[in-house]
């Protein structure tokens, strides 16, 4: 039970960190190819996990990640749906709030 709690907690924490960072970058910063990056992220959560489970398993076998915590945690970190939902949230945040944070010293 403790192994499951550990894997779930680390997966959620790292997944939220990665997804929130990507979503914030896609919603606030203007850069060339932003639409393409977002389209690839949308495409990633439209592919069912069952379709990539066998190639992912053989990849993890080649990288010696079978029967490790990293092998359990890594597939759960990249979550396109979380990036999509968090991006929609960040788009609703007023731009003035981000500008005020930058003025106050946020990097």
PDB file of N, CA and C in Angstrom:
ATOM      1  N   UNK A   1       0.828  -1.192   0.000  1.00  0.00           N
ATOM      2  CA  UNK A   1       0.000   0.000   0.000  1.00  0.00           C
ATOM      3  C   UNK A   1       0.870   1.253   0.000  1.00  0.00           C
ATOM      4  N   UNK A   2       1.965   1.227   0.768  1.00  0.00           N
ATOM      5  CA  UNK A   2       2.827   2.407   0.828  1.00  0.00           C
ATOM      6  C   UNK A   2       3.511   2.673  -0.507  1.00  0.00           C
ATOM      7  N   UNK A   3       3.850   1.610  -1.231  1.00  0.00           N
ATOM      8  CA  UNK A   3       4.443   1.804  -2.559  1.00  0.00           C
ATOM      9  C   UNK A   3       3.462   2.501  -3.496  1.00  0.00           C
ATOM     10  N   UNK A   4       2.204   2.100  -3.437  1.00  0.00           N
ATOM     11  CA  UNK A   4       1.188   2.718  -4.288  1.00  0.00           C
ATOM     12  C   UNK A   4       0.986   4.180  -3.936  1.00  0.00           C
ATOM     13  N   UNK A   5       0.965   4.480  -2.649  1.00  0.00           N
ATOM     14  CA  UNK A   5       0.806   5.871  -2.209  1.00  0.00           C
ATOM     15  C   UNK A   5       2.005   6.702  -2.655  1.00  0.00           C
ATOM     16  N   UNK A   6       3.199   6.149  -2.516  1.00  0.00           N
ATOM     17  CA  UNK A   6       4.409   6.861  -2.927  1.00  0.00           C
ATOM     18  C   UNK A   6       4.406   7.139  -4.428  1.00  0.00           C
ATOM     19  N   UNK A   7       4.112   6.128  -5.222  1.00  0.00           N
ATOM     20  CA  UNK A   7       4.093   6.301  -6.678  1.00  0.00           C
ATOM     21  C   UNK A   7       3.012   7.299  -7.083  1.00  0.00           C
ATOM     22  N   UNK A   8       1.833   7.197  -6.495  1.00  0.00           N
ATOM     23  CA  UNK A   8       0.751   8.122  -6.837  1.00  0.00           C
ATOM     24  C   UNK A   8       1.096   9.553  -6.445  1.00  0.00           C
ATOM     25  N   UNK A   9       1.649   9.743  -5.263  1.00  0.00           N
ATOM     26  CA  UNK A   9       1.977  11.094  -4.802  1.00  0.00           C
ATOM     27  C   UNK A   9       3.055  11.736  -5.671  1.00  0.00           C
ATOM     28  N   UNK A  10       4.091  10.987  -5.979  1.00  0.00           N
ATOM     29  CA  UNK A  10       5.172  11.537  -6.807  1.00  0.00           C
ATOM     30  C   UNK A  10       4.678  11.802  -8.228  1.00  0.00           C
ATOM     31  N   UNK A  11       3.864  10.902  -8.766  1.00  0.00           N
ATOM     32  CA  UNK A  11       3.333  11.089 -10.118  1.00  0.00           C
ATOM     33  C   UNK A  11       2.458  12.330 -10.192  1.00  0.00           C
ATOM     34  N   UNK A  12       1.592  12.519  -9.218  1.00  0.00           N
ATOM     35  CA  UNK A  12       0.717  13.695  -9.214  1.00  0.00           C
ATOM     36  C   UNK A  12       1.527  14.972  -9.048  1.00  0.00           C
ATOM     37  N   UNK A  13       2.486  14.966  -8.128  1.00  0.00           N
ATOM     38  CA  UNK A  13       3.283  16.173  -7.884  1.00  0.00           C
ATOM     39  C   UNK A  13       4.109  16.550  -9.116  1.00  0.00           C
ATOM     40  N   UNK A  14       4.830  15.595  -9.678  1.00  0.00           N
ATOM     41  CA  UNK A  14       5.646  15.892 -10.858  1.00  0.00           C
ATOM     42  C   UNK A  14       4.782  16.206 -12.081  1.00  0.00           C
ATOM     43  N   UNK A  15       3.684  15.476 -12.232  1.00  0.00           N
ATOM     44  CA  UNK A  15       2.785  15.733 -13.353  1.00  0.00           C
ATOM     45  C   UNK A  15       2.171  17.114 -13.291  1.00  0.00           C
ATOM     46  N   UNK A  16       1.790  17.537 -12.098  1.00  0.00           N
ATOM     47  CA  UNK A  16       1.222  18.876 -11.943  1.00  0.00           C
ATOM     48  C   UNK A  16       2.270  19.947 -12.201  1.00  0.00           C
ATOM     49  N   UNK A  17       3.483  19.723 -11.738  1.00  0.00           N
ATOM     50  CA  UNK A  17       4.564  20.678 -11.967  1.00  0.00           C
ATOM     51  C   UNK A  17       4.852  20.834 -13.463  1.00  0.00           C
ATOM     52  N   UNK A  18       4.982  19.726 -14.164  1.00  0.00           N
ATOM     53  CA  UNK A  18       5.279  19.771 -15.594  1.00  0.00           C
ATOM     54  C   UNK A  18       4.094  20.339 -16.375  1.00  0.00           C
ATOM     55  N   UNK A  19       2.892  19.885 -16.064  1.00  0.00           N
ATOM     56  CA  UNK A  19       1.708  20.333 -16.798  1.00  0.00           C
ATOM     57  C   UNK A  19       1.420  21.807 -16.562  1.00  0.00           C
ATOM     58  N   UNK A  20       1.544  22.262 -15.323  1.00  0.00           N
ATOM     59  CA  UNK A  20       1.286  23.672 -15.028  1.00  0.00           C
ATOM     60  C   UNK A  20       2.327  24.569 -15.687  1.00  0.00           C
ATOM     61  N   UNK A  21       3.575  24.133 -15.702  1.00  0.00           N
ATOM     62  CA  UNK A  21       4.623  24.926 -16.354  1.00  0.00           C
ATOM     63  C   UNK A  21       4.371  25.030 -17.856  1.00  0.00           C
ATOM     64  N   UNK A  22       4.038  23.916 -18.475  1.00  0.00           N
ATOM     65  CA  UNK A  22       3.770  23.924 -19.913  1.00  0.00           C
ATOM     66  C   UNK A  22       2.531  24.749 -20.238  1.00  0.00           C
ATOM     67  N   UNK A  23       1.494  24.603 -19.443  1.00  0.00           N
ATOM     68  CA  UNK A  23       0.257  25.340 -19.690  1.00  0.00           C
ATOM     69  C   UNK A  23       0.457  26.838 -19.512  1.00  0.00           C
ATOM     70  N   UNK A  24       1.210  27.224 -18.496  1.00  0.00           N
ATOM     71  CA  UNK A  24       1.470  28.649 -18.283  1.00  0.00           C
ATOM     72  C   UNK A  24       2.280  29.219 -19.445  1.00  0.00           C
ATOM     73  N   UNK A  25       3.275  28.480 -19.882  1.00  0.00           N
ATOM     74  CA  UNK A  25       4.073  28.937 -21.016  1.00  0.00           C
ATOM     75  C   UNK A  25       3.255  29.068 -22.285  1.00  0.00           C
ATOM     76  N   UNK A  26       2.340  28.133 -22.514  1.00  0.00           N
ATOM     77  CA  UNK A  26       1.508  28.186 -23.713  1.00  0.00           C
ATOM     78  C   UNK A  26       0.452  29.282 -23.645  1.00  0.00           C
ATOM     79  N   UNK A  27       0.068  29.687 -22.460  1.00  0.00           N
ATOM     80  CA  UNK A  27      -0.989  30.691 -22.351  1.00  0.00           C
ATOM     81  C   UNK A  27      -0.461  32.112 -22.237  1.00  0.00           C
ATOM     82  N   UNK A  28       0.736  32.296 -21.721  1.00  0.00           N
ATOM     83  CA  UNK A  28       1.242  33.647 -21.464  1.00  0.00           C
ATOM     84  C   UNK A  28       2.243  34.107 -22.518  1.00  0.00           C
ATOM     85  N   UNK A  29       3.175  33.243 -22.891  1.00  0.00           N
ATOM     86  CA  UNK A  29       4.266  33.661 -23.771  1.00  0.00           C
ATOM     87  C   UNK A  29       3.887  33.505 -25.237  1.00  0.00           C
ATOM     88  N   UNK A  30       4.231  34.518 -26.022  1.00  0.00           N
ATOM     89  CA  UNK A  30       4.016  34.472 -27.468  1.00  0.00           C
ATOM     90  C   UNK A  30       5.301  33.968 -28.118  1.00  0.00           C
ATOM     91  N   UNK A  31       5.233  32.867 -28.844  1.00  0.00           N
ATOM     92  CA  UNK A  31       6.399  32.363 -29.563  1.00  0.00           C
ATOM     93  C   UNK A  31       5.930  31.654 -30.823  1.00  0.00           C
ATOM     94  N   UNK A  32       6.828  31.598 -31.789  1.00  0.00           N
ATOM     95  CA  UNK A  32       6.496  30.967 -33.055  1.00  0.00           C
ATOM     96  C   UNK A  32       6.346  29.460 -32.844  1.00  0.00           C
ATOM     97  N   UNK A  33       5.289  28.892 -33.366  1.00  0.00           N
ATOM     98  CA  UNK A  33       5.048  27.465 -33.224  1.00  0.00           C
ATOM     99  C   UNK A  33       4.215  27.096 -32.005  1.00  0.00           C
ATOM    100  N   UNK A  34       3.677  28.110 -31.332  1.00  0.00           N
ATOM    101  CA  UNK A  34       2.877  27.838 -30.132  1.00  0.00           C
ATOM    102  C   UNK A  34       1.648  26.999 -30.466  1.00  0.00           C
ATOM    103  N   UNK A  35       1.009  27.309 -31.583  1.00  0.00           N
ATOM    104  CA  UNK A  35      -0.161  26.543 -32.002  1.00  0.00           C
ATOM    105  C   UNK A  35       0.179  25.098 -32.325  1.00  0.00           C
ATOM    106  N   UNK A  36       1.340  24.892 -32.938  1.00  0.00           N
ATOM    107  CA  UNK A  36       1.774  23.534 -33.264  1.00  0.00           C
ATOM    108  C   UNK A  36       2.060  22.728 -32.003  1.00  0.00           C
ATOM    109  N   UNK A  37       2.717  23.348 -31.039  1.00  0.00           N
ATOM    110  CA  UNK A  37       3.005  22.668 -29.768  1.00  0.00           C
ATOM    111  C   UNK A  37       1.699  22.283 -29.077  1.00  0.00           C
ATOM    112  N   UNK A  38       0.745  23.204 -29.066  1.00  0.00           N
ATOM    113  CA  UNK A  38      -0.540  22.913 -28.427  1.00  0.00           C
ATOM    114  C   UNK A  38      -1.283  21.809 -29.177  1.00  0.00           C
ATOM    115  N   UNK A  39      -1.192  21.799 -30.505  1.00  0.00           N
ATOM    116  CA  UNK A  39      -1.845  20.743 -31.289  1.00  0.00           C
ATOM    117  C   UNK A  39      -1.236  19.374 -30.989  1.00  0.00           C
ATOM    118  N   UNK A  40       0.078  19.315 -30.832  1.00  0.00           N
ATOM    119  CA  UNK A  40       0.735  18.045 -30.495  1.00  0.00           C
ATOM    120  C   UNK A  40       0.301  17.575 -29.110  1.00  0.00           C
ATOM    121  N   UNK A  41       0.174  18.516 -28.173  1.00  0.00           N
ATOM    122  CA  UNK A  41      -0.282  18.156 -26.826  1.00  0.00           C
ATOM    123  C   UNK A  41      -1.717  17.641 -26.875  1.00  0.00           C
ATOM    124  N   UNK A  42      -2.575  18.297 -27.658  1.00  0.00           N
ATOM    125  CA  UNK A  42      -3.949  17.819 -27.805  1.00  0.00           C
ATOM    126  C   UNK A  42      -3.972  16.428 -28.435  1.00  0.00           C
ATOM    127  N   UNK A  43      -3.125  16.216 -29.415  1.00  0.00           N
ATOM    128  CA  UNK A  43      -3.060  14.913 -30.069  1.00  0.00           C
ATOM    129  C   UNK A  43      -2.615  13.828 -29.104  1.00  0.00           C
ATOM    130  N   UNK A  44      -1.746  14.194 -28.161  1.00  0.00           N
ATOM    131  CA  UNK A  44      -1.205  13.192 -27.239  1.00  0.00           C
ATOM    132  C   UNK A  44      -2.269  12.608 -26.324  1.00  0.00           C
ATOM    133  N   UNK A  45      -3.267  13.396 -25.934  1.00  0.00           N
ATOM    134  CA  UNK A  45      -4.275  12.798 -25.058  1.00  0.00           C
ATOM    135  C   UNK A  45      -5.445  12.208 -25.828  1.00  0.00           C
ATOM    136  N   UNK A  46      -5.426  12.323 -27.149  1.00  0.00           N
ATOM    137  CA  UNK A  46      -6.446  11.666 -27.959  1.00  0.00           C
ATOM    138  C   UNK A  46      -6.048  10.232 -28.309  1.00  0.00           C
ATOM    139  N   UNK A  47      -4.766   9.895 -28.124  1.00  0.00           N
ATOM    140  CA  UNK A  47      -4.293   8.535 -28.379  1.00  0.00           C
ATOM    141  C   UNK A  47      -4.500   7.719 -27.106  1.00  0.00           C
ATOM    142  N   UNK A  48      -5.223   6.609 -27.175  1.00  0.00           N
ATOM    143  CA  UNK A  48      -5.445   5.813 -25.964  1.00  0.00           C
ATOM    144  C   UNK A  48      -4.146   5.193 -25.450  1.00  0.00           C
ATOM    145  N   UNK A  49      -4.044   5.084 -24.141  1.00  0.00           N
ATOM    146  CA  UNK A  49      -2.830   4.536 -23.534  1.00  0.00           C
ATOM    147  C   UNK A  49      -2.590   3.098 -23.970  1.00  0.00           C
ATOM    148  N   UNK A  50      -3.658   2.368 -24.233  1.00  0.00           N
ATOM    149  CA  UNK A  50      -3.512   0.975 -24.676  1.00  0.00           C
ATOM    150  C   UNK A  50      -2.743   0.877 -25.990  1.00  0.00           C
ATOM    151  N   UNK A  51      -2.831   1.903 -26.824  1.00  0.00           N
ATOM    152  CA  UNK A  51      -2.141   1.878 -28.113  1.00  0.00           C
ATOM    153  C   UNK A  51      -0.635   2.044 -27.966  1.00  0.00           C
ATOM    154  N   UNK A  52      -0.190   2.654 -26.872  1.00  0.00           N
ATOM    155  CA  UNK A  52       1.250   2.868 -26.695  1.00  0.00           C
ATOM    156  C   UNK A  52       1.836   2.019 -25.575  1.00  0.00           C
ATOM    157  N   UNK A  53       1.033   1.180 -24.949  1.00  0.00           N
ATOM    158  CA  UNK A  53       1.507   0.405 -23.800  1.00  0.00           C
ATOM    159  C   UNK A  53       2.607  -0.584 -24.184  1.00  0.00           C
ATOM    160  N   UNK A  54       2.442  -1.302 -25.279  1.00  0.00           N
ATOM    161  CA  UNK A  54       3.451  -2.294 -25.668  1.00  0.00           C
ATOM    162  C   UNK A  54       4.747  -1.620 -26.131  1.00  0.00           C
ATOM    163  N   UNK A  55       4.696  -0.602 -27.008  1.00  0.00           N
ATOM    164  CA  UNK A  55       5.960   0.074 -27.348  1.00  0.00           C
ATOM    165  C   UNK A  55       6.628   0.725 -26.135  1.00  0.00           C
ATOM    166  N   UNK A  56       5.837   1.256 -25.228  1.00  0.00           N
ATOM    167  CA  UNK A  56       6.391   1.865 -24.020  1.00  0.00           C
ATOM    168  C   UNK A  56       7.048   0.812 -23.137  1.00  0.00           C
ATOM    169  N   UNK A  57       6.442  -0.356 -23.060  1.00  0.00           N
ATOM    170  CA  UNK A  57       7.015  -1.447 -22.272  1.00  0.00           C
ATOM    171  C   UNK A  57       8.356  -1.902 -22.838  1.00  0.00           C
ATOM    172  N   UNK A  58       8.438  -2.035 -24.151  1.00  0.00           N
ATOM    173  CA  UNK A  58       9.717  -2.452 -24.746  1.00  0.00           C
ATOM    174  C   UNK A  58      10.767  -1.350 -24.626  1.00  0.00           C
ATOM    175  N   UNK A  59      10.350  -0.103 -24.689  1.00  0.00           N
ATOM    176  CA  UNK A  59      11.279   1.009 -24.495  1.00  0.00           C
ATOM    177  C   UNK A  59      11.822   1.021 -23.074  1.00  0.00           C
ATOM    178  N   UNK A  60      10.954   0.807 -22.107  1.00  0.00           N
ATOM    179  CA  UNK A  60      11.392   0.768 -20.711  1.00  0.00           C
ATOM    180  C   UNK A  60      12.282  -0.443 -20.439  1.00  0.00           C
ATOM    181  N   UNK A  61      12.036  -1.552 -21.131  1.00  0.00           N
ATOM    182  CA  UNK A  61      12.911  -2.719 -20.989  1.00  0.00           C
ATOM    183  C   UNK A  61      14.307  -2.396 -21.520  1.00  0.00           C
ATOM    184  N   UNK A  62      14.364  -1.702 -22.658  1.00  0.00           N
ATOM    185  CA  UNK A  62      15.666  -1.326 -23.227  1.00  0.00           C
ATOM    186  C   UNK A  62      16.416  -0.350 -22.325  1.00  0.00           C
ATOM    187  N   UNK A  63      15.695   0.500 -21.625  1.00  0.00           N
ATOM    188  CA  UNK A  63      16.309   1.494 -20.733  1.00  0.00           C
ATOM    189  C   UNK A  63      16.505   0.965 -19.315  1.00  0.00           C
ATOM    190  N   UNK A  64      16.210  -0.312 -19.088  1.00  0.00           N
ATOM    191  CA  UNK A  64      16.317  -0.941 -17.762  1.00  0.00           C
ATOM    192  C   UNK A  64      15.469  -0.227 -16.710  1.00  0.00           C
ATOM    193  N   UNK A  65      14.257   0.139 -17.078  1.00  0.00           N
ATOM    194  CA  UNK A  65      13.344   0.797 -16.145  1.00  0.00           C
ATOM    195  C   UNK A  65      12.228  -0.124 -15.669  1.00  0.00           C
ATOM    196  N   UNK A  66      12.276  -1.392 -16.049  1.00  0.00           N
ATOM    197  CA  UNK A  66      11.258  -2.317 -15.558  1.00  0.00           C
ATOM    198  C   UNK A  66      11.507  -2.592 -14.084  1.00  0.00           C
ATOM    199  N   UNK A  67      10.424  -2.718 -13.328  1.00  0.00           N
ATOM    200  CA  UNK A  67      10.472  -2.981 -11.887  1.00  0.00           C
ATOM    201  C   UNK A  67      11.200  -1.877 -11.118  1.00  0.00           C
ATOM    202  N   UNK A  68      11.036  -0.638 -11.561  1.00  0.00           N
ATOM    203  CA  UNK A  68      11.598   0.505 -10.842  1.00  0.00           C
ATOM    204  C   UNK A  68      10.495   1.532 -10.620  1.00  0.00           C
ATOM    205  N   UNK A  69      10.734   2.411  -9.661  1.00  0.00           N
ATOM    206  CA  UNK A  69       9.778   3.494  -9.434  1.00  0.00           C
ATOM    207  C   UNK A  69       9.700   4.417 -10.646  1.00  0.00           C
ATOM    208  N   UNK A  70      10.839   4.691 -11.260  1.00  0.00           N
ATOM    209  CA  UNK A  70      10.855   5.583 -12.422  1.00  0.00           C
ATOM    210  C   UNK A  70      10.005   5.017 -13.559  1.00  0.00           C
ATOM    211  N   UNK A  71      10.024   3.711 -13.740  1.00  0.00           N
ATOM    212  CA  UNK A  71       9.215   3.085 -14.771  1.00  0.00           C
ATOM    213  C   UNK A  71       7.721   3.210 -14.521  1.00  0.00           C
ATOM    214  N   UNK A  72       7.343   3.340 -13.273  1.00  0.00           N
ATOM    215  CA  UNK A  72       5.931   3.536 -12.934  1.00  0.00           C
ATOM    216  C   UNK A  72       5.528   5.006 -12.988  1.00  0.00           C
ATOM    217  N   UNK A  73       6.458   5.882 -12.650  1.00  0.00           N
ATOM    218  CA  UNK A  73       6.136   7.304 -12.526  1.00  0.00           C
ATOM    219  C   UNK A  73       6.184   8.022 -13.872  1.00  0.00           C
ATOM    220  N   UNK A  74       7.168   7.720 -14.695  1.00  0.00           N
ATOM    221  CA  UNK A  74       7.368   8.460 -15.946  1.00  0.00           C
ATOM    222  C   UNK A  74       6.156   8.491 -16.883  1.00  0.00           C
ATOM    223  N   UNK A  75       5.437   7.391 -17.110  1.00  0.00           N
ATOM    224  CA  UNK A  75       4.294   7.482 -18.024  1.00  0.00           C
ATOM    225  C   UNK A  75       3.179   8.399 -17.530  1.00  0.00           C
ATOM    226  N   UNK A  76       3.077   8.598 -16.231  1.00  0.00           N
ATOM    227  CA  UNK A  76       2.009   9.437 -15.703  1.00  0.00           C
ATOM    228  C   UNK A  76       2.323  10.915 -15.669  1.00  0.00           C
ATOM    229  N   UNK A  77       3.570  11.272 -15.931  1.00  0.00           N
ATOM    230  CA  UNK A  77       3.949  12.684 -15.833  1.00  0.00           C
ATOM    231  C   UNK A  77       3.426  13.485 -17.021  1.00  0.00           C
ATOM    232  N   UNK A  78       3.608  12.979 -18.218  1.00  0.00           N
ATOM    233  CA  UNK A  78       3.159  13.705 -19.403  1.00  0.00           C
ATOM    234  C   UNK A  78       1.679  13.510 -19.635  1.00  0.00           C
ATOM    235  N   UNK A  79       0.885  14.472 -19.243  1.00  0.00           N
ATOM    236  CA  UNK A  79      -0.563  14.345 -19.336  1.00  0.00           C
ATOM    237  C   UNK A  79      -1.111  15.507 -20.162  1.00  0.00           C
ATOM    238  N   UNK A  80      -1.487  15.231 -21.406  1.00  0.00           N
ATOM    239  CA  UNK A  80      -1.990  16.273 -22.289  1.00  0.00           C
ATOM    240  C   UNK A  80      -3.290  16.888 -21.814  1.00  0.00           C
ATOM    241  N   UNK A  81      -4.145  16.103 -21.187  1.00  0.00           N
ATOM    242  CA  UNK A  81      -5.411  16.640 -20.692  1.00  0.00           C
ATOM    243  C   UNK A  81      -5.177  17.661 -19.592  1.00  0.00           C
ATOM    244  N   UNK A  82      -4.217  17.401 -18.714  1.00  0.00           N
ATOM    245  CA  UNK A  82      -3.908  18.355 -17.648  1.00  0.00           C
ATOM    246  C   UNK A  82      -3.370  19.653 -18.230  1.00  0.00           C
ATOM    247  N   UNK A  83      -2.518  19.554 -19.246  1.00  0.00           N
ATOM    248  CA  UNK A  83      -1.992  20.765 -19.895  1.00  0.00           C
ATOM    249  C   UNK A  83      -3.134  21.549 -20.524  1.00  0.00           C
ATOM    250  N   UNK A  84      -4.045  20.861 -21.191  1.00  0.00           N
ATOM    251  CA  UNK A  84      -5.187  21.536 -21.815  1.00  0.00           C
ATOM    252  C   UNK A  84      -6.042  22.258 -20.778  1.00  0.00           C
ATOM    253  N   UNK A  85      -6.404  21.560 -19.708  1.00  0.00           N
ATOM    254  CA  UNK A  85      -7.268  22.166 -18.693  1.00  0.00           C
ATOM    255  C   UNK A  85      -6.585  23.328 -17.977  1.00  0.00           C
ATOM    256  N   UNK A  86      -5.312  23.167 -17.641  1.00  0.00           N
ATOM    257  CA  UNK A  86      -4.597  24.246 -16.964  1.00  0.00           C
ATOM    258  C   UNK A  86      -4.368  25.430 -17.897  1.00  0.00           C
ATOM    259  N   UNK A  87      -4.157  25.177 -19.181  1.00  0.00           N
ATOM    260  CA  UNK A  87      -4.013  26.278 -20.143  1.00  0.00           C
ATOM    261  C   UNK A  87      -5.296  27.093 -20.207  1.00  0.00           C
ATOM    262  N   UNK A  88      -6.430  26.418 -20.222  1.00  0.00           N
ATOM    263  CA  UNK A  88      -7.706  27.136 -20.245  1.00  0.00           C
ATOM    264  C   UNK A  88      -7.867  27.984 -18.983  1.00  0.00           C
ATOM    265  N   UNK A  89      -7.422  27.469 -17.853  1.00  0.00           N
ATOM    266  CA  UNK A  89      -7.482  28.237 -16.610  1.00  0.00           C
ATOM    267  C   UNK A  89      -6.579  29.463 -16.691  1.00  0.00           C
ATOM    268  N   UNK A  90      -5.339  29.273 -17.158  1.00  0.00           N
ATOM    269  CA  UNK A  90      -4.398  30.392 -17.227  1.00  0.00           C
ATOM    270  C   UNK A  90      -4.835  31.444 -18.235  1.00  0.00           C
ATOM    271  N   UNK A  91      -5.555  31.050 -19.279  1.00  0.00           N
ATOM    272  CA  UNK A  91      -6.072  32.034 -20.230  1.00  0.00           C
ATOM    273  C   UNK A  91      -7.129  32.925 -19.589  1.00  0.00           C
ATOM    274  N   UNK A  92      -7.802  32.423 -18.554  1.00  0.00           N
ATOM    275  CA  UNK A  92      -8.828  33.209 -17.865  1.00  0.00           C
ATOM    276  C   UNK A  92      -8.238  34.179 -16.849  1.00  0.00           C
ATOM    277  N   UNK A  93      -6.959  34.004 -16.498  1.00  0.00           N
ATOM    278  CA  UNK A  93      -6.306  34.915 -15.551  1.00  0.00           C
ATOM    279  C   UNK A  93      -6.017  36.219 -16.280  1.00  0.00           C
ATOM    280  N   UNK A  94      -6.399  37.355 -15.699  1.00  0.00           N
ATOM    281  CA  UNK A  94      -6.161  38.636 -16.378  1.00  0.00           C
ATOM    282  C   UNK A  94      -4.669  38.890 -16.611  1.00  0.00           C
ATOM    283  N   UNK A  95      -4.349  39.446 -17.777  1.00  0.00           N
ATOM    284  CA  UNK A  95      -2.950  39.749 -18.114  1.00  0.00           C
ATOM    285  C   UNK A  95      -2.366  40.775 -17.150  1.00  0.00           C
ATOM    286  N   UNK A  96      -3.216  41.637 -16.613  1.00  0.00           N
ATOM    287  CA  UNK A  96      -2.741  42.655 -15.673  1.00  0.00           C
ATOM    288  C   UNK A  96      -2.162  42.016 -14.414  1.00  0.00           C
ATOM    289  N   UNK A  97      -2.709  40.883 -14.018  1.00  0.00           N
ATOM    290  CA  UNK A  97      -2.208  40.185 -12.834  1.00  0.00           C
ATOM    291  C   UNK A  97      -0.790  39.666 -13.071  1.00  0.00           C
ATOM    292  N   UNK A  98      -0.539  39.144 -14.258  1.00  0.00           N
ATOM    293  CA  UNK A  98       0.803  38.668 -14.598  1.00  0.00           C
ATOM    294  C   UNK A  98       1.772  39.843 -14.673  1.00  0.00           C
ATOM    295  N   UNK A  99       1.333  40.959 -15.272  1.00  0.00           N
ATOM    296  CA  UNK A  99       2.190  42.147 -15.358  1.00  0.00           C
ATOM    297  C   UNK A  99       2.488  42.706 -13.974  1.00  0.00           C
ATOM    298  N   UNK A 100       1.509  42.713 -13.092  1.00  0.00           N
ATOM    299  CA  UNK A 100       1.725  43.199 -11.724  1.00  0.00           C
ATOM    300  C   UNK A 100       2.711  42.304 -10.981  1.00  0.00           C
ATOM    301  N   UNK A 101       2.638  41.016 -11.212  1.00  0.00           N
ATOM    302  CA  UNK A 101       3.580  40.095 -10.568  1.00  0.00           C
ATOM    303  C   UNK A 101       4.998  40.341 -11.070  1.00  0.00           C
ATOM    304  N   UNK A 102       5.138  40.615 -12.360  1.00  0.00           N
ATOM    305  CA  UNK A 102       6.474  40.912 -12.899  1.00  0.00           C
ATOM    306  C   UNK A 102       7.024  42.205 -12.317  1.00  0.00           C
ATOM    307  N   UNK A 103       6.183  43.201 -12.149  1.00  0.00           N
ATOM    308  CA  UNK A 103       6.621  44.473 -11.563  1.00  0.00           C
ATOM    309  C   UNK A 103       7.065  44.264 -10.121  1.00  0.00           C
ATOM    310  N   UNK A 104       6.376  43.386  -9.404  1.00  0.00           N
ATOM    311  CA  UNK A 104       6.713  43.126  -8.000  1.00  0.00           C
ATOM    312  C   UNK A 104       7.937  42.234  -7.840  1.00  0.00           C
ATOM    313  N   UNK A 105       8.531  41.794  -8.934  1.00  0.00           N
ATOM    314  CA  UNK A 105       9.775  41.037  -8.831  1.00  0.00           C
ATOM    315  C   UNK A 105       9.668  39.570  -9.178  1.00  0.00           C
ATOM    316  N   UNK A 106       8.536  39.123  -9.662  1.00  0.00           N
ATOM    317  CA  UNK A 106       8.414  37.725 -10.073  1.00  0.00           C
ATOM    318  C   UNK A 106       9.223  37.512 -11.339  1.00  0.00           C
ATOM    319  N   UNK A 107      10.007  36.476 -11.360  1.00  0.00           N
ATOM    320  CA  UNK A 107      10.841  36.248 -12.554  1.00  0.00           C
ATOM    321  C   UNK A 107      10.159  35.323 -13.528  1.00  0.00           C
TER     322      UNK A 107
END
